[in-house]
């Protein structure tokens, strides 16, 4: 077994745990990303709004990929709708 195989084997339990946490708390992370993006956008005087939205969108997409990695449920609970994305 090579070094990479050993690393992958040792990191697999952590990956599963991160995926489970992303499923459970994805809506909280998404909400936090939206709040942080809003604050940064206001602090920069809305000069970089497009870049902030792009970065926020990529972070949300990564969060969704983590949450759905094992084929589980949605990142947001069904009774709490995800906040609308503003472009």
PDB file of N, CA and C in Angstrom:
ATOM      1  N   UNK A   1       0.842  -1.169   0.000  1.00  0.00           N
ATOM      2  CA  UNK A   1       0.000   0.000   0.000  1.00  0.00           C
ATOM      3  C   UNK A   1       0.893   1.239   0.000  1.00  0.00           C
ATOM      4  N   UNK A   2       0.627   2.163  -0.904  1.00  0.00           N
ATOM      5  CA  UNK A   2       1.440   3.362  -1.016  1.00  0.00           C
ATOM      6  C   UNK A   2       1.033   4.439  -0.016  1.00  0.00           C
ATOM      7  N   UNK A   3       1.795   5.489   0.002  1.00  0.00           N
ATOM      8  CA  UNK A   3       1.548   6.604   0.920  1.00  0.00           C
ATOM      9  C   UNK A   3       0.175   7.222   0.692  1.00  0.00           C
ATOM     10  N   UNK A   4      -0.191   7.437  -0.555  1.00  0.00           N
ATOM     11  CA  UNK A   4      -1.495   8.048  -0.843  1.00  0.00           C
ATOM     12  C   UNK A   4      -2.638   7.139  -0.409  1.00  0.00           C
ATOM     13  N   UNK A   5      -2.494   5.855  -0.591  1.00  0.00           N
ATOM     14  CA  UNK A   5      -3.528   4.921  -0.155  1.00  0.00           C
ATOM     15  C   UNK A   5      -3.691   4.962   1.359  1.00  0.00           C
ATOM     16  N   UNK A   6      -2.570   5.048   2.076  1.00  0.00           N
ATOM     17  CA  UNK A   6      -2.626   5.148   3.540  1.00  0.00           C
ATOM     18  C   UNK A   6      -3.334   6.429   3.975  1.00  0.00           C
ATOM     19  N   UNK A   7      -2.996   7.536   3.319  1.00  0.00           N
ATOM     20  CA  UNK A   7      -3.632   8.810   3.660  1.00  0.00           C
ATOM     21  C   UNK A   7      -5.129   8.778   3.388  1.00  0.00           C
ATOM     22  N   UNK A   8      -5.500   8.243   2.251  1.00  0.00           N
ATOM     23  CA  UNK A   8      -6.920   8.155   1.911  1.00  0.00           C
ATOM     24  C   UNK A   8      -7.672   7.299   2.916  1.00  0.00           C
ATOM     25  N   UNK A   9      -7.084   6.201   3.310  1.00  0.00           N
ATOM     26  CA  UNK A   9      -7.731   5.309   4.280  1.00  0.00           C
ATOM     27  C   UNK A   9      -7.903   5.996   5.634  1.00  0.00           C
ATOM     28  N   UNK A  10      -6.935   6.791   6.026  1.00  0.00           N
ATOM     29  CA  UNK A  10      -7.021   7.473   7.322  1.00  0.00           C
ATOM     30  C   UNK A  10      -7.966   8.662   7.296  1.00  0.00           C
ATOM     31  N   UNK A  11      -8.103   9.309   6.143  1.00  0.00           N
ATOM     32  CA  UNK A  11      -8.958  10.483   6.039  1.00  0.00           C
ATOM     33  C   UNK A  11     -10.413  10.157   5.737  1.00  0.00           C
ATOM     34  N   UNK A  12     -10.704   8.948   5.325  1.00  0.00           N
ATOM     35  CA  UNK A  12     -12.079   8.584   4.965  1.00  0.00           C
ATOM     36  C   UNK A  12     -13.072   8.783   6.105  1.00  0.00           C
ATOM     37  N   UNK A  13     -12.773   8.383   7.352  1.00  0.00           N
ATOM     38  CA  UNK A  13     -13.739   8.640   8.439  1.00  0.00           C
ATOM     39  C   UNK A  13     -13.997  10.131   8.658  1.00  0.00           C
ATOM     40  N   UNK A  14     -12.963  10.959   8.517  1.00  0.00           N
ATOM     41  CA  UNK A  14     -13.145  12.399   8.680  1.00  0.00           C
ATOM     42  C   UNK A  14     -14.015  12.955   7.557  1.00  0.00           C
ATOM     43  N   UNK A  15     -13.824  12.444   6.364  1.00  0.00           N
ATOM     44  CA  UNK A  15     -14.617  12.898   5.225  1.00  0.00           C
ATOM     45  C   UNK A  15     -16.093  12.575   5.437  1.00  0.00           C
ATOM     46  N   UNK A  16     -16.371  11.389   5.955  1.00  0.00           N
ATOM     47  CA  UNK A  16     -17.752  11.006   6.225  1.00  0.00           C
ATOM     48  C   UNK A  16     -18.365  11.896   7.300  1.00  0.00           C
ATOM     49  N   UNK A  17     -17.579  12.228   8.310  1.00  0.00           N
ATOM     50  CA  UNK A  17     -18.078  13.077   9.387  1.00  0.00           C
ATOM     51  C   UNK A  17     -18.374  14.482   8.871  1.00  0.00           C
ATOM     52  N   UNK A  18     -17.492  15.021   8.049  1.00  0.00           N
ATOM     53  CA  UNK A  18     -17.698  16.353   7.481  1.00  0.00           C
ATOM     54  C   UNK A  18     -18.948  16.360   6.604  1.00  0.00           C
ATOM     55  N   UNK A  19     -19.140  15.308   5.836  1.00  0.00           N
ATOM     56  CA  UNK A  19     -20.326  15.213   4.995  1.00  0.00           C
ATOM     57  C   UNK A  19     -21.597  15.187   5.840  1.00  0.00           C
ATOM     58  N   UNK A  20     -21.576  14.435   6.932  1.00  0.00           N
ATOM     59  CA  UNK A  20     -22.734  14.383   7.819  1.00  0.00           C
ATOM     60  C   UNK A  20     -23.016  15.722   8.462  1.00  0.00           C
ATOM     61  N   UNK A  21     -21.970  16.411   8.887  1.00  0.00           N
ATOM     62  CA  UNK A  21     -22.160  17.740   9.482  1.00  0.00           C
ATOM     63  C   UNK A  21     -22.690  18.729   8.449  1.00  0.00           C
ATOM     64  N   UNK A  22     -22.226  18.611   7.217  1.00  0.00           N
ATOM     65  CA  UNK A  22     -22.717  19.492   6.158  1.00  0.00           C
ATOM     66  C   UNK A  22     -24.199  19.251   5.907  1.00  0.00           C
ATOM     67  N   UNK A  23     -24.625  17.998   5.990  1.00  0.00           N
ATOM     68  CA  UNK A  23     -26.050  17.700   5.820  1.00  0.00           C
ATOM     69  C   UNK A  23     -26.876  18.276   6.959  1.00  0.00           C
ATOM     70  N   UNK A  24     -26.386  18.145   8.191  1.00  0.00           N
ATOM     71  CA  UNK A  24     -27.138  18.607   9.349  1.00  0.00           C
ATOM     72  C   UNK A  24     -27.169  20.124   9.464  1.00  0.00           C
ATOM     73  N   UNK A  25     -26.063  20.784   9.162  1.00  0.00           N
ATOM     74  CA  UNK A  25     -25.945  22.205   9.448  1.00  0.00           C
ATOM     75  C   UNK A  25     -25.707  23.058   8.206  1.00  0.00           C
ATOM     76  N   UNK A  26     -25.973  22.512   7.047  1.00  0.00           N
ATOM     77  CA  UNK A  26     -25.748  23.238   5.803  1.00  0.00           C
ATOM     78  C   UNK A  26     -26.524  24.535   5.722  1.00  0.00           C
ATOM     79  N   UNK A  27     -27.752  24.521   6.223  1.00  0.00           N
ATOM     80  CA  UNK A  27     -28.561  25.746   6.161  1.00  0.00           C
ATOM     81  C   UNK A  27     -27.967  26.843   7.037  1.00  0.00           C
ATOM     82  N   UNK A  28     -27.347  26.481   8.153  1.00  0.00           N
ATOM     83  CA  UNK A  28     -26.707  27.478   9.023  1.00  0.00           C
ATOM     84  C   UNK A  28     -25.476  28.064   8.348  1.00  0.00           C
ATOM     85  N   UNK A  29     -24.705  27.224   7.695  1.00  0.00           N
ATOM     86  CA  UNK A  29     -23.508  27.693   6.995  1.00  0.00           C
ATOM     87  C   UNK A  29     -23.911  28.605   5.843  1.00  0.00           C
ATOM     88  N   UNK A  30     -24.922  28.212   5.105  1.00  0.00           N
ATOM     89  CA  UNK A  30     -25.400  29.026   3.988  1.00  0.00           C
ATOM     90  C   UNK A  30     -25.867  30.394   4.478  1.00  0.00           C
ATOM     91  N   UNK A  31     -26.606  30.395   5.580  1.00  0.00           N
ATOM     92  CA  UNK A  31     -27.079  31.657   6.154  1.00  0.00           C
ATOM     93  C   UNK A  31     -25.884  32.514   6.576  1.00  0.00           C
ATOM     94  N   UNK A  32     -24.879  31.911   7.196  1.00  0.00           N
ATOM     95  CA  UNK A  32     -23.680  32.635   7.599  1.00  0.00           C
ATOM     96  C   UNK A  32     -22.925  33.208   6.417  1.00  0.00           C
ATOM     97  N   UNK A  33     -22.848  32.451   5.330  1.00  0.00           N
ATOM     98  CA  UNK A  33     -22.200  32.957   4.121  1.00  0.00           C
ATOM     99  C   UNK A  33     -22.927  34.182   3.577  1.00  0.00           C
ATOM    100  N   UNK A  34     -24.257  34.129   3.587  1.00  0.00           N
ATOM    101  CA  UNK A  34     -25.042  35.271   3.110  1.00  0.00           C
ATOM    102  C   UNK A  34     -24.814  36.508   3.977  1.00  0.00           C
ATOM    103  N   UNK A  35     -24.808  36.306   5.291  1.00  0.00           N
ATOM    104  CA  UNK A  35     -24.587  37.431   6.203  1.00  0.00           C
ATOM    105  C   UNK A  35     -23.196  38.027   6.020  1.00  0.00           C
ATOM    106  N   UNK A  36     -22.190  37.168   5.917  1.00  0.00           N
ATOM    107  CA  UNK A  36     -20.820  37.645   5.735  1.00  0.00           C
ATOM    108  C   UNK A  36     -20.680  38.392   4.409  1.00  0.00           C
ATOM    109  N   UNK A  37     -21.283  37.869   3.357  1.00  0.00           N
ATOM    110  CA  UNK A  37     -21.214  38.528   2.050  1.00  0.00           C
ATOM    111  C   UNK A  37     -21.868  39.906   2.107  1.00  0.00           C
ATOM    112  N   UNK A  38     -22.980  39.999   2.811  1.00  0.00           N
ATOM    113  CA  UNK A  38     -23.678  41.284   2.923  1.00  0.00           C
ATOM    114  C   UNK A  38     -22.815  42.303   3.666  1.00  0.00           C
ATOM    115  N   UNK A  39     -22.196  41.889   4.768  1.00  0.00           N
ATOM    116  CA  UNK A  39     -21.357  42.801   5.542  1.00  0.00           C
ATOM    117  C   UNK A  39     -20.153  43.260   4.720  1.00  0.00           C
ATOM    118  N   UNK A  40     -19.483  42.321   4.063  1.00  0.00           N
ATOM    119  CA  UNK A  40     -18.308  42.669   3.257  1.00  0.00           C
ATOM    120  C   UNK A  40     -18.708  43.596   2.115  1.00  0.00           C
ATOM    121  N   UNK A  41     -19.845  43.328   1.490  1.00  0.00           N
ATOM    122  CA  UNK A  41     -20.314  44.165   0.391  1.00  0.00           C
ATOM    123  C   UNK A  41     -20.578  45.592   0.869  1.00  0.00           C
ATOM    124  N   UNK A  42     -21.176  45.715   2.042  1.00  0.00           N
ATOM    125  CA  UNK A  42     -21.438  47.050   2.586  1.00  0.00           C
ATOM    126  C   UNK A  42     -20.136  47.761   2.956  1.00  0.00           C
ATOM    127  N   UNK A  43     -19.189  47.027   3.549  1.00  0.00           N
ATOM    128  CA  UNK A  43     -17.917  47.624   3.963  1.00  0.00           C
ATOM    129  C   UNK A  43     -17.082  48.084   2.775  1.00  0.00           C
ATOM    130  N   UNK A  44     -17.213  47.433   1.646  1.00  0.00           N
ATOM    131  CA  UNK A  44     -16.452  47.820   0.455  1.00  0.00           C
ATOM    132  C   UNK A  44     -17.197  48.833  -0.396  1.00  0.00           C
ATOM    133  N   UNK A  45     -18.339  49.309   0.093  1.00  0.00           N
ATOM    134  CA  UNK A  45     -19.104  50.296  -0.663  1.00  0.00           C
ATOM    135  C   UNK A  45     -19.703  49.741  -1.937  1.00  0.00           C
ATOM    136  N   UNK A  46     -19.994  48.469  -1.960  1.00  0.00           N
ATOM    137  CA  UNK A  46     -20.615  47.771  -3.099  1.00  0.00           C
ATOM    138  C   UNK A  46     -19.755  47.836  -4.360  1.00  0.00           C
ATOM    139  N   UNK A  47     -18.447  48.068  -4.185  1.00  0.00           N
ATOM    140  CA  UNK A  47     -17.553  48.149  -5.338  1.00  0.00           C
ATOM    141  C   UNK A  47     -17.221  46.775  -5.915  1.00  0.00           C
ATOM    142  N   UNK A  48     -17.288  45.748  -5.095  1.00  0.00           N
ATOM    143  CA  UNK A  48     -16.900  44.397  -5.526  1.00  0.00           C
ATOM    144  C   UNK A  48     -18.066  43.423  -5.419  1.00  0.00           C
ATOM    145  N   UNK A  49     -19.274  43.905  -5.581  1.00  0.00           N
ATOM    146  CA  UNK A  49     -20.464  43.065  -5.396  1.00  0.00           C
ATOM    147  C   UNK A  49     -20.436  41.814  -6.248  1.00  0.00           C
ATOM    148  N   UNK A  50     -20.034  41.945  -7.505  1.00  0.00           N
ATOM    149  CA  UNK A  50     -20.038  40.792  -8.397  1.00  0.00           C
ATOM    150  C   UNK A  50     -19.049  39.726  -7.932  1.00  0.00           C
ATOM    151  N   UNK A  51     -17.887  40.137  -7.476  1.00  0.00           N
ATOM    152  CA  UNK A  51     -16.883  39.176  -7.007  1.00  0.00           C
ATOM    153  C   UNK A  51     -17.318  38.522  -5.695  1.00  0.00           C
ATOM    154  N   UNK A  52     -17.946  39.298  -4.839  1.00  0.00           N
ATOM    155  CA  UNK A  52     -18.434  38.757  -3.567  1.00  0.00           C
ATOM    156  C   UNK A  52     -19.521  37.719  -3.835  1.00  0.00           C
ATOM    157  N   UNK A  53     -20.429  38.013  -4.740  1.00  0.00           N
ATOM    158  CA  UNK A  53     -21.496  37.068  -5.069  1.00  0.00           C
ATOM    159  C   UNK A  53     -20.942  35.817  -5.727  1.00  0.00           C
ATOM    160  N   UNK A  54     -19.937  35.978  -6.576  1.00  0.00           N
ATOM    161  CA  UNK A  54     -19.312  34.816  -7.214  1.00  0.00           C
ATOM    162  C   UNK A  54     -18.664  33.911  -6.168  1.00  0.00           C
ATOM    163  N   UNK A  55     -17.920  34.517  -5.258  1.00  0.00           N
ATOM    164  CA  UNK A  55     -17.276  33.731  -4.200  1.00  0.00           C
ATOM    165  C   UNK A  55     -18.271  33.056  -3.291  1.00  0.00           C
ATOM    166  N   UNK A  56     -19.335  33.769  -2.946  1.00  0.00           N
ATOM    167  CA  UNK A  56     -20.379  33.196  -2.095  1.00  0.00           C
ATOM    168  C   UNK A  56     -21.059  32.034  -2.812  1.00  0.00           C
ATOM    169  N   UNK A  57     -21.326  32.189  -4.093  1.00  0.00           N
ATOM    170  CA  UNK A  57     -21.943  31.113  -4.864  1.00  0.00           C
ATOM    171  C   UNK A  57     -21.066  29.873  -4.932  1.00  0.00           C
ATOM    172  N   UNK A  58     -19.770  30.073  -5.103  1.00  0.00           N
ATOM    173  CA  UNK A  58     -18.849  28.932  -5.154  1.00  0.00           C
ATOM    174  C   UNK A  58     -18.780  28.233  -3.799  1.00  0.00           C
ATOM    175  N   UNK A  59     -18.787  29.012  -2.727  1.00  0.00           N
ATOM    176  CA  UNK A  59     -18.760  28.415  -1.386  1.00  0.00           C
ATOM    177  C   UNK A  59     -20.034  27.614  -1.131  1.00  0.00           C
ATOM    178  N   UNK A  60     -21.176  28.133  -1.573  1.00  0.00           N
ATOM    179  CA  UNK A  60     -22.444  27.416  -1.401  1.00  0.00           C
ATOM    180  C   UNK A  60     -22.462  26.130  -2.229  1.00  0.00           C
ATOM    181  N   UNK A  61     -21.913  26.201  -3.435  1.00  0.00           N
ATOM    182  CA  UNK A  61     -21.852  25.001  -4.279  1.00  0.00           C
ATOM    183  C   UNK A  61     -20.969  23.931  -3.638  1.00  0.00           C
ATOM    184  N   UNK A  62     -19.845  24.348  -3.072  1.00  0.00           N
ATOM    185  CA  UNK A  62     -18.964  23.400  -2.393  1.00  0.00           C
ATOM    186  C   UNK A  62     -19.673  22.787  -1.185  1.00  0.00           C
ATOM    187  N   UNK A  63     -20.429  23.595  -0.470  1.00  0.00           N
ATOM    188  CA  UNK A  63     -21.183  23.110   0.684  1.00  0.00           C
ATOM    189  C   UNK A  63     -22.222  22.076   0.232  1.00  0.00           C
ATOM    190  N   UNK A  64     -22.904  22.360  -0.865  1.00  0.00           N
ATOM    191  CA  UNK A  64     -23.887  21.412  -1.400  1.00  0.00           C
ATOM    192  C   UNK A  64     -23.228  20.107  -1.818  1.00  0.00           C
ATOM    193  N   UNK A  65     -22.059  20.186  -2.452  1.00  0.00           N
ATOM    194  CA  UNK A  65     -21.350  18.964  -2.857  1.00  0.00           C
ATOM    195  C   UNK A  65     -20.962  18.137  -1.641  1.00  0.00           C
ATOM    196  N   UNK A  66     -20.510  18.788  -0.587  1.00  0.00           N
ATOM    197  CA  UNK A  66     -20.170  18.070   0.641  1.00  0.00           C
ATOM    198  C   UNK A  66     -21.397  17.405   1.244  1.00  0.00           C
ATOM    199  N   UNK A  67     -22.503  18.121   1.275  1.00  0.00           N
ATOM    200  CA  UNK A  67     -23.714  17.608   1.900  1.00  0.00           C
ATOM    201  C   UNK A  67     -24.314  16.443   1.121  1.00  0.00           C
ATOM    202  N   UNK A  68     -24.152  16.437  -0.185  1.00  0.00           N
ATOM    203  CA  UNK A  68     -24.770  15.400  -1.015  1.00  0.00           C
ATOM    204  C   UNK A  68     -23.782  14.316  -1.427  1.00  0.00           C
ATOM    205  N   UNK A  69     -22.595  14.324  -0.862  1.00  0.00           N
ATOM    206  CA  UNK A  69     -21.552  13.383  -1.274  1.00  0.00           C
ATOM    207  C   UNK A  69     -21.972  11.925  -1.125  1.00  0.00           C
ATOM    208  N   UNK A  70     -22.630  11.592  -0.009  1.00  0.00           N
ATOM    209  CA  UNK A  70     -23.016  10.199   0.200  1.00  0.00           C
ATOM    210  C   UNK A  70     -24.447   9.920  -0.248  1.00  0.00           C
ATOM    211  N   UNK A  71     -25.016  10.840  -1.048  1.00  0.00           N
ATOM    212  CA  UNK A  71     -26.360  10.612  -1.567  1.00  0.00           C
ATOM    213  C   UNK A  71     -27.444  10.899  -0.563  1.00  0.00           C
ATOM    214  N   UNK A  72     -27.128  11.654   0.474  1.00  0.00           N
ATOM    215  CA  UNK A  72     -28.088  11.967   1.530  1.00  0.00           C
ATOM    216  C   UNK A  72     -29.076  13.027   1.102  1.00  0.00           C
ATOM    217  N   UNK A  73     -29.754  13.577   2.094  1.00  0.00           N
ATOM    218  CA  UNK A  73     -30.800  14.557   1.855  1.00  0.00           C
ATOM    219  C   UNK A  73     -30.246  15.918   1.505  1.00  0.00           C
ATOM    220  N   UNK A  74     -31.164  16.867   1.426  1.00  0.00           N
ATOM    221  CA  UNK A  74     -30.808  18.220   1.060  1.00  0.00           C
ATOM    222  C   UNK A  74     -30.055  18.908   2.191  1.00  0.00           C
ATOM    223  N   UNK A  75     -29.304  19.955   1.836  1.00  0.00           N
ATOM    224  CA  UNK A  75     -28.537  20.687   2.840  1.00  0.00           C
ATOM    225  C   UNK A  75     -29.447  21.531   3.715  1.00  0.00           C
ATOM    226  N   UNK A  76     -30.577  21.971   3.180  1.00  0.00           N
ATOM    227  CA  UNK A  76     -31.514  22.762   3.958  1.00  0.00           C
ATOM    228  C   UNK A  76     -32.693  21.894   4.364  1.00  0.00           C
ATOM    229  N   UNK A  77     -33.173  22.050   5.587  1.00  0.00           N
ATOM    230  CA  UNK A  77     -34.356  21.286   5.977  1.00  0.00           C
ATOM    231  C   UNK A  77     -35.539  21.707   5.119  1.00  0.00           C
ATOM    232  N   UNK A  78     -36.499  20.816   4.877  1.00  0.00           N
ATOM    233  CA  UNK A  78     -37.595  21.144   3.980  1.00  0.00           C
ATOM    234  C   UNK A  78     -38.490  22.257   4.505  1.00  0.00           C
ATOM    235  N   UNK A  79     -38.576  22.446   5.824  1.00  0.00           N
ATOM    236  CA  UNK A  79     -39.474  23.469   6.351  1.00  0.00           C
ATOM    237  C   UNK A  79     -38.829  24.853   6.395  1.00  0.00           C
ATOM    238  N   UNK A  80     -37.525  24.965   6.103  1.00  0.00           N
ATOM    239  CA  UNK A  80     -36.847  26.247   6.087  1.00  0.00           C
ATOM    240  C   UNK A  80     -36.331  26.467   4.672  1.00  0.00           C
ATOM    241  N   UNK A  81     -36.977  27.365   3.907  1.00  0.00           N
ATOM    242  CA  UNK A  81     -36.497  27.574   2.543  1.00  0.00           C
ATOM    243  C   UNK A  81     -35.148  28.276   2.543  1.00  0.00           C
ATOM    244  N   UNK A  82     -34.348  27.932   1.577  1.00  0.00           N
ATOM    245  CA  UNK A  82     -33.040  28.579   1.429  1.00  0.00           C
ATOM    246  C   UNK A  82     -33.251  30.018   1.024  1.00  0.00           C
ATOM    247  N   UNK A  83     -32.426  30.954   1.517  1.00  0.00           N
ATOM    248  CA  UNK A  83     -32.588  32.349   1.134  1.00  0.00           C
ATOM    249  C   UNK A  83     -32.311  32.529  -0.348  1.00  0.00           C
ATOM    250  N   UNK A  84     -33.024  33.456  -0.986  1.00  0.00           N
ATOM    251  CA  UNK A  84     -32.821  33.642  -2.423  1.00  0.00           C
ATOM    252  C   UNK A  84     -31.448  34.215  -2.695  1.00  0.00           C
ATOM    253  N   UNK A  85     -30.873  33.789  -3.797  1.00  0.00           N
ATOM    254  CA  UNK A  85     -29.574  34.309  -4.219  1.00  0.00           C
ATOM    255  C   UNK A  85     -29.798  35.603  -4.952  1.00  0.00           C
ATOM    256  N   UNK A  86     -28.986  36.600  -4.620  1.00  0.00           N
ATOM    257  CA  UNK A  86     -29.078  37.870  -5.320  1.00  0.00           C
ATOM    258  C   UNK A  86     -27.888  37.997  -6.237  1.00  0.00           C
ATOM    259  N   UNK A  87     -28.153  38.467  -7.445  1.00  0.00           N
ATOM    260  CA  UNK A  87     -27.053  38.601  -8.412  1.00  0.00           C
ATOM    261  C   UNK A  87     -26.832  40.028  -8.735  1.00  0.00           C
TER     262      UNK A  87
END
